Amino acid sequence: MIYLLVSNQKPLLKNHLQDLLKSRLDVIDEFSVVEIDASLTLSQDIAFEATFLPLGTSRKALVIENAYYLLKTPSKNKIDKDQDFKELLKVLEQKDEAIDLIFLLEDTNFDLKNEVYLQIKKHGEIKIIASFNESDWFNYGLTYFKSRNVNIEKDALRELIVRIENNLTTFINEADKLCLYSNHITLKDVHLFIKKPLESNVFNLTKALFKGDTMTALDIFRDLRVYNVEPVTLISLLAGQFRLMFQTLYLSHRGLGEREIASVLKLHEYRTKMLLIDARRRSLSRILSSLEQLYELDLNIKSGRVDRFYGFELFLLNFN
């Protein structure tokens, strides 16, 4: 059988792989499972490996990771010039029932016209593994901490879920850190040990600036310095936020409602609403002026005309 497992969450991908192997193989060992990195192994070598029958068992599985050539915009690889997919396509077409080919892809943006993908679709099975929704995250979090004999308060778990930005690997790493600290996790512990996602900080920074709360903006920036966040990174993110504000306010002035603006800009309605609340504190010309100041600051920092930290603090202090 041929499978393509797709997920942008590596732990979920690995869990589904293990479940699939358990359902397909009598025993899982180095003889029944062959792992291949497609970014380092030519497709013709993968095809050659698929011709070897299993030893000591009725079935074997070839697990093919990093099948980059299935993506819409594949990364450049040293082996590209020697790739020849004819043999692999032949193997996919003449599938051997004693051998499972399992392709793993950590990106949902695959090429629907790719020859290998089309053969997998024709002769095999494609499983898109959905990311967790809010309820899934909460239940998974409770189960994870319980398995570690750690109690976490509900508000602490909700805040942790917000801060890991829908990334399961990050969740596991941060949860393990908290488990080492205490067997009873509070909201205060999460605030103390788990940093806020950068975009959330930029959102709060923008909000503070547009409300005229310079001290809060400076506090956020100084907190970010502790985590080695560079001013040029913040400039880029702030500029993106300002551009969105300009666009939402411009479309609002043209008579569009929140739902229409969200549709045009491909944004969530709630985010559109929040952007408009802040954007309406300023005029289009003032937002445009702030954007120009950011571009000028970025140029001055990169040309060495101004110290990056001093320059950014000055921008915050002079924001009006």
Protein backbone atom coordinates (compact mmCIF):
# COMPACT_ATOMS: atom_id res chain seq x y z
CA MET A 1 0.00 0.00 0.00
CA ILE A 2 1.09 3.59 -0.64
CA TYR A 3 0.45 6.45 1.78
CA LEU A 4 1.13 10.17 1.92
CA LEU A 5 0.81 11.58 5.45
CA VAL A 6 0.70 15.37 5.60
CA SER A 7 0.80 17.65 8.66
CA ASN A 8 2.55 20.86 9.68
CA GLN A 9 2.82 19.43 13.21
CA LYS A 10 5.72 16.96 13.38
CA PRO A 11 4.58 15.20 16.60
CA LEU A 12 1.12 14.59 15.08
CA LEU A 13 2.76 13.26 11.92
CA LYS A 14 4.96 10.88 13.93
CA ASN A 15 2.01 9.68 16.03
CA HIS A 16 -0.02 8.87 12.93
CA LEU A 17 2.97 7.12 11.40
CA GLN A 18 3.35 4.90 14.48
CA ASP A 19 -0.37 4.07 14.45
CA LEU A 20 -0.17 3.19 10.76
CA LEU A 21 2.91 0.99 11.22
CA LYS A 22 1.24 -0.86 14.11
CA SER A 23 -1.82 -1.53 11.98
CA ARG A 24 0.18 -2.68 8.95
CA LEU A 25 3.12 -4.65 10.37
CA ASP A 26 3.33 -7.76 12.56
CA VAL A 27 6.49 -6.46 14.19
CA ILE A 28 8.25 -3.07 14.12
CA ASP A 29 12.05 -3.30 14.02
CA GLU A 30 15.04 -2.38 11.85
CA PHE A 31 14.23 -5.20 9.43
CA SER A 32 10.57 -4.34 8.89
CA VAL A 33 10.91 -0.53 8.78
CA VAL A 34 13.39 1.28 6.55
CA GLU A 35 13.62 5.05 7.06
CA ILE A 36 14.81 7.17 4.14
CA ASP A 37 15.48 10.91 3.96
CA ALA A 38 14.31 11.94 0.48
CA SER A 39 16.31 15.18 0.65
CA LEU A 40 19.52 13.10 0.79
CA THR A 41 18.49 10.03 -1.21
CA LEU A 42 17.86 9.89 -4.95
CA SER A 43 14.39 8.78 -6.00
CA GLN A 44 15.92 5.98 -8.08
CA ASP A 45 17.67 4.65 -4.94
CA ILE A 46 14.34 4.72 -3.10
CA ALA A 47 12.83 2.76 -5.99
CA PHE A 48 15.71 0.25 -5.80
CA GLU A 49 15.16 -0.24 -2.04
CA ALA A 50 11.49 -0.92 -2.76
CA THR A 51 12.45 -3.96 -4.86
CA PHE A 52 13.89 -5.82 -1.84
CA LEU A 53 11.37 -8.16 -0.28
CA PRO A 54 10.97 -8.25 3.53
CA LEU A 55 13.19 -10.63 5.50
CA GLY A 56 11.73 -12.72 8.31
CA THR A 57 8.34 -11.03 8.12
CA SER A 58 5.41 -10.87 5.73
CA ARG A 59 5.55 -7.11 5.15
CA LYS A 60 7.96 -4.19 5.36
CA ALA A 61 7.52 -0.43 5.25
CA LEU A 62 9.63 2.23 3.56
CA VAL A 63 9.16 5.50 5.45
CA ILE A 64 10.17 8.33 3.13
CA GLU A 65 10.67 11.61 4.99
CA ASN A 66 11.26 15.11 3.57
CA ALA A 67 9.83 14.35 0.12
CA TYR A 68 10.57 17.94 -0.87
CA TYR A 69 9.80 17.40 -4.56
CA LEU A 70 6.11 17.06 -3.70
CA LEU A 71 5.94 20.72 -2.64
CA LYS A 72 4.74 23.61 -4.80
CA THR A 73 7.97 25.49 -4.12
CA PRO A 74 10.54 22.78 -3.35
CA SER A 75 13.83 23.73 -1.74
CA LYS A 76 17.01 23.45 -3.79
CA ASN A 77 18.93 20.23 -3.15
CA LYS A 78 22.39 19.04 -4.13
CA ILE A 79 20.92 15.83 -5.51
CA ASP A 80 18.47 17.60 -7.86
CA LYS A 81 20.70 17.34 -10.90
CA ASP A 82 20.88 13.54 -10.53
CA GLN A 83 17.20 12.94 -9.79
CA ASP A 84 15.33 10.67 -12.19
CA PHE A 85 11.79 9.85 -11.12
CA LYS A 86 11.05 7.22 -13.79
CA GLU A 87 11.90 4.25 -11.57
CA LEU A 88 10.00 5.61 -8.58
CA LEU A 89 6.94 6.27 -10.74
CA LYS A 90 7.17 2.70 -12.01
CA VAL A 91 7.33 1.33 -8.45
CA LEU A 92 4.30 3.41 -7.45
CA GLU A 93 2.36 2.10 -10.44
CA GLN A 94 3.37 -1.55 -9.95
CA LYS A 95 2.94 -1.52 -6.16
CA ASP A 96 4.09 -4.62 -4.30
CA GLU A 97 1.54 -5.74 -1.69
CA ALA A 98 4.36 -6.93 0.60
CA ILE A 99 5.89 -3.45 0.77
CA ASP A 100 4.28 -0.26 2.10
CA LEU A 101 5.61 3.07 0.87
CA ILE A 102 4.83 5.83 3.37
CA PHE A 103 5.70 9.40 2.35
CA LEU A 104 5.82 12.03 5.11
CA LEU A 105 5.42 15.73 4.42
CA GLU A 106 5.55 18.53 7.03
CA ASP A 107 3.90 21.06 4.72
CA THR A 108 0.36 21.16 3.36
CA ASN A 109 1.36 23.30 0.37
CA PHE A 110 2.08 20.41 -2.02
CA ASP A 111 2.06 20.42 -5.81
CA LEU A 112 -1.19 18.87 -7.05
CA LYS A 113 0.29 18.46 -10.56
CA ASN A 114 3.50 16.71 -9.50
CA GLU A 115 3.92 13.30 -11.20
CA VAL A 116 4.84 11.50 -8.00
CA TYR A 117 1.90 13.08 -6.15
CA LEU A 118 -0.51 12.07 -8.93
CA GLN A 119 0.72 8.46 -8.78
CA ILE A 120 0.32 8.39 -5.00
CA LYS A 121 -3.20 9.81 -5.37
CA LYS A 122 -4.09 7.26 -8.06
CA HIS A 123 -2.69 4.14 -6.39
CA GLY A 124 -2.55 5.04 -2.71
CA GLU A 125 -4.08 7.02 0.10
CA ILE A 126 -3.47 10.65 1.16
CA LYS A 127 -4.12 11.60 4.78
CA ILE A 128 -4.16 15.27 5.74
CA ILE A 129 -3.76 15.34 9.52
CA ALA A 130 -5.71 18.30 10.88
CA SER A 131 -4.21 20.60 13.49
CA PHE A 132 -5.88 20.87 16.89
CA ASN A 133 -8.84 23.17 17.42
CA GLU A 134 -9.26 25.07 20.70
CA SER A 135 -11.07 22.20 22.43
CA ASP A 136 -8.51 19.64 21.20
CA TRP A 137 -5.65 21.74 22.56
CA PHE A 138 -7.25 22.07 25.98
CA ASN A 139 -8.02 18.34 26.28
CA TYR A 140 -4.56 17.39 25.02
CA GLY A 141 -2.96 19.78 27.52
CA LEU A 142 -4.90 18.36 30.47
CA THR A 143 -3.99 14.81 29.43
CA TYR A 144 -0.32 15.70 28.89
CA PHE A 145 0.15 17.27 32.32
CA LYS A 146 -1.82 14.46 33.98
CA SER A 147 0.52 11.92 32.38
CA ARG A 148 3.40 13.76 34.04
CA ASN A 149 1.60 13.74 37.42
CA VAL A 150 1.37 17.53 37.30
CA ASN A 151 -1.72 19.64 37.97
CA ILE A 152 -2.18 22.80 35.89
CA GLU A 153 -4.83 25.41 36.59
CA LYS A 154 -7.29 25.99 33.74
CA ASP A 155 -6.41 29.65 33.19
CA ALA A 156 -2.71 28.72 33.17
CA LEU A 157 -3.30 26.05 30.52
CA ARG A 158 -5.30 28.47 28.35
CA GLU A 159 -2.51 31.05 28.54
CA LEU A 160 0.11 28.41 27.71
CA ILE A 161 -1.89 27.37 24.63
CA VAL A 162 -2.03 31.02 23.47
CA ARG A 163 1.72 31.43 23.91
CA ILE A 164 2.82 28.32 21.99
CA GLU A 165 1.04 29.56 18.81
CA ASN A 166 -0.56 26.27 17.77
CA ASN A 167 2.80 24.47 17.64
CA LEU A 168 2.76 21.02 19.24
CA THR A 169 6.55 20.69 19.46
CA THR A 170 6.74 24.03 21.28
CA PHE A 171 3.93 22.95 23.59
CA ILE A 172 5.76 19.77 24.59
CA ASN A 173 9.04 21.65 25.18
CA GLU A 174 7.40 24.39 27.26
CA ALA A 175 5.17 21.97 29.18
CA ASP A 176 8.21 19.87 30.11
CA LYS A 177 9.94 23.02 31.35
CA LEU A 178 6.97 23.82 33.60
CA CYS A 179 6.81 20.22 34.88
CA LEU A 180 10.43 20.46 36.00
CA TYR A 181 9.59 23.60 37.96
CA SER A 182 6.54 22.43 39.91
CA ASN A 183 3.84 19.77 40.19
CA HIS A 184 1.20 22.50 40.42
CA ILE A 185 1.29 25.09 37.63
CA THR A 186 -0.40 28.48 38.04
CA LEU A 187 -1.02 31.36 35.65
CA LYS A 188 1.81 33.23 37.38
CA ASP A 189 4.20 30.36 36.51
CA VAL A 190 3.23 30.53 32.83
CA HIS A 191 3.76 34.32 32.81
CA LEU A 192 7.14 33.82 34.49
CA PHE A 193 8.58 31.02 32.34
CA ILE A 194 6.84 31.08 28.95
CA LYS A 195 7.46 34.08 26.74
CA LYS A 196 4.64 35.63 24.74
CA PRO A 197 4.70 35.00 20.97
CA LEU A 198 6.41 37.83 19.10
CA GLU A 199 3.33 38.76 17.05
CA SER A 200 1.28 39.08 20.24
CA ASN A 201 3.89 41.46 21.66
CA VAL A 202 3.89 43.50 18.44
CA PHE A 203 0.08 43.68 18.57
CA ASN A 204 0.25 44.98 22.16
CA LEU A 205 3.06 47.37 21.24
CA THR A 206 0.99 48.80 18.38
CA LYS A 207 -2.06 49.09 20.61
CA ALA A 208 -0.05 50.99 23.25
CA LEU A 209 1.37 53.38 20.64
CA PHE A 210 -2.03 54.17 19.12
CA LYS A 211 -3.49 54.77 22.59
CA GLY A 212 -0.62 57.16 23.36
CA ASP A 213 0.68 54.88 26.15
CA THR A 214 4.41 55.41 25.56
CA MET A 215 5.52 53.87 28.86
CA THR A 216 3.75 50.57 28.13
CA ALA A 217 5.27 50.54 24.63
CA LEU A 218 8.75 51.06 26.12
CA ASP A 219 8.15 48.32 28.71
CA ILE A 220 7.15 45.85 25.97
CA PHE A 221 10.24 46.73 23.93
CA ARG A 222 12.56 46.34 26.93
CA ASP A 223 11.00 42.97 27.76
CA LEU A 224 11.65 41.85 24.18
CA ARG A 225 15.30 42.91 24.47
CA VAL A 226 15.70 40.30 27.21
CA TYR A 227 14.78 37.67 24.59
CA ASN A 228 17.27 39.14 22.07
CA VAL A 229 14.57 40.37 19.68
CA GLU A 230 16.26 42.73 17.23
CA PRO A 231 14.81 46.21 16.53
CA VAL A 232 14.94 45.58 12.76
CA THR A 233 12.66 42.57 13.29
CA LEU A 234 10.24 44.74 15.26
CA ILE A 235 10.38 47.45 12.61
CA SER A 236 9.37 44.93 9.95
CA LEU A 237 6.51 43.55 12.05
CA LEU A 238 5.29 47.00 13.09
CA ALA A 239 5.35 48.15 9.47
CA GLY A 240 3.20 45.15 8.54
CA GLN A 241 0.75 46.02 11.30
CA PHE A 242 0.63 49.68 10.25
CA ARG A 243 0.02 48.72 6.61
CA LEU A 244 -2.93 46.55 7.65
CA MET A 245 -4.31 49.42 9.72
CA PHE A 246 -3.98 51.77 6.77
CA GLN A 247 -5.77 49.31 4.48
CA THR A 248 -8.62 48.61 6.92
CA LEU A 249 -9.15 52.31 7.62
CA TYR A 250 -9.00 53.18 3.90
CA LEU A 251 -11.60 50.52 3.05
CA SER A 252 -13.76 51.67 5.96
CA HIS A 253 -13.67 55.23 4.58
CA ARG A 254 -14.79 53.78 1.24
CA GLY A 255 -17.94 52.49 2.96
CA LEU A 256 -17.07 48.83 3.46
CA GLY A 257 -18.23 47.07 6.64
CA GLU A 258 -16.07 44.89 8.87
CA ARG A 259 -17.14 41.65 7.18
CA GLU A 260 -16.43 43.03 3.70
CA ILE A 261 -13.02 44.37 4.78
CA ALA A 262 -12.16 40.99 6.32
CA SER A 263 -13.09 39.29 3.04
CA VAL A 264 -11.05 41.71 0.89
CA LEU A 265 -7.94 41.50 3.10
CA LYS A 266 -8.41 37.78 3.89
CA LEU A 267 -8.42 38.43 7.64
CA HIS A 268 -10.44 36.99 10.50
CA GLU A 269 -13.41 39.24 11.31
CA TYR A 270 -12.35 39.65 14.95
CA ARG A 271 -8.87 40.77 13.90
CA THR A 272 -10.39 43.23 11.44
CA LYS A 273 -12.56 44.65 14.21
CA MET A 274 -9.54 45.09 16.54
CA LEU A 275 -7.48 46.72 13.77
CA LEU A 276 -10.26 49.20 13.04
CA ILE A 277 -10.66 50.14 16.71
CA ASP A 278 -6.98 51.16 16.87
CA ALA A 279 -6.75 52.59 13.34
CA ARG A 280 -9.67 54.97 13.96
CA ARG A 281 -7.60 56.71 16.64
CA ARG A 282 -5.49 58.17 13.81
CA SER A 283 -5.95 59.56 10.33
CA LEU A 284 -4.75 57.84 7.16
CA SER A 285 -2.07 60.51 6.71
CA ARG A 286 -0.72 59.99 10.25
CA ILE A 287 -0.51 56.21 9.77
CA LEU A 288 1.29 56.79 6.46
CA SER A 289 3.68 59.22 8.18
CA SER A 290 4.47 56.60 10.86
CA LEU A 291 5.20 54.05 8.14
CA GLU A 292 7.61 56.45 6.46
CA GLN A 293 9.37 57.03 9.81
CA LEU A 294 9.78 53.27 10.23
CA TYR A 295 11.27 52.90 6.75
CA GLU A 296 13.69 55.76 7.44
CA LEU A 297 14.68 54.25 10.80
CA ASP A 298 15.26 50.86 9.17
CA LEU A 299 17.53 52.48 6.57
CA ASN A 300 19.47 54.45 9.21
CA ILE A 301 20.03 51.36 11.37
CA LYS A 302 21.16 49.19 8.45
CA SER A 303 23.52 51.90 7.16
CA GLY A 304 25.03 52.32 10.64
CA ARG A 305 23.93 55.95 11.02
CA VAL A 306 22.09 55.24 14.27
CA ASP A 307 22.35 52.70 17.10
CA ARG A 308 19.52 50.19 16.61
CA PHE A 309 18.28 50.17 20.22
CA TYR A 310 18.62 53.93 20.74
CA GLY A 311 16.94 54.61 17.39
CA PHE A 312 13.97 52.36 18.11
CA GLU A 313 13.44 53.77 21.62
CA LEU A 314 13.54 57.27 20.14
CA PHE A 315 10.88 56.24 17.60
CA LEU A 316 8.64 55.02 20.44
CA LEU A 317 9.20 58.18 22.51
CA ASN A 318 8.45 60.49 19.57
CA PHE A 319 5.44 58.54 18.27
CA ASN A 320 2.43 60.81 17.93
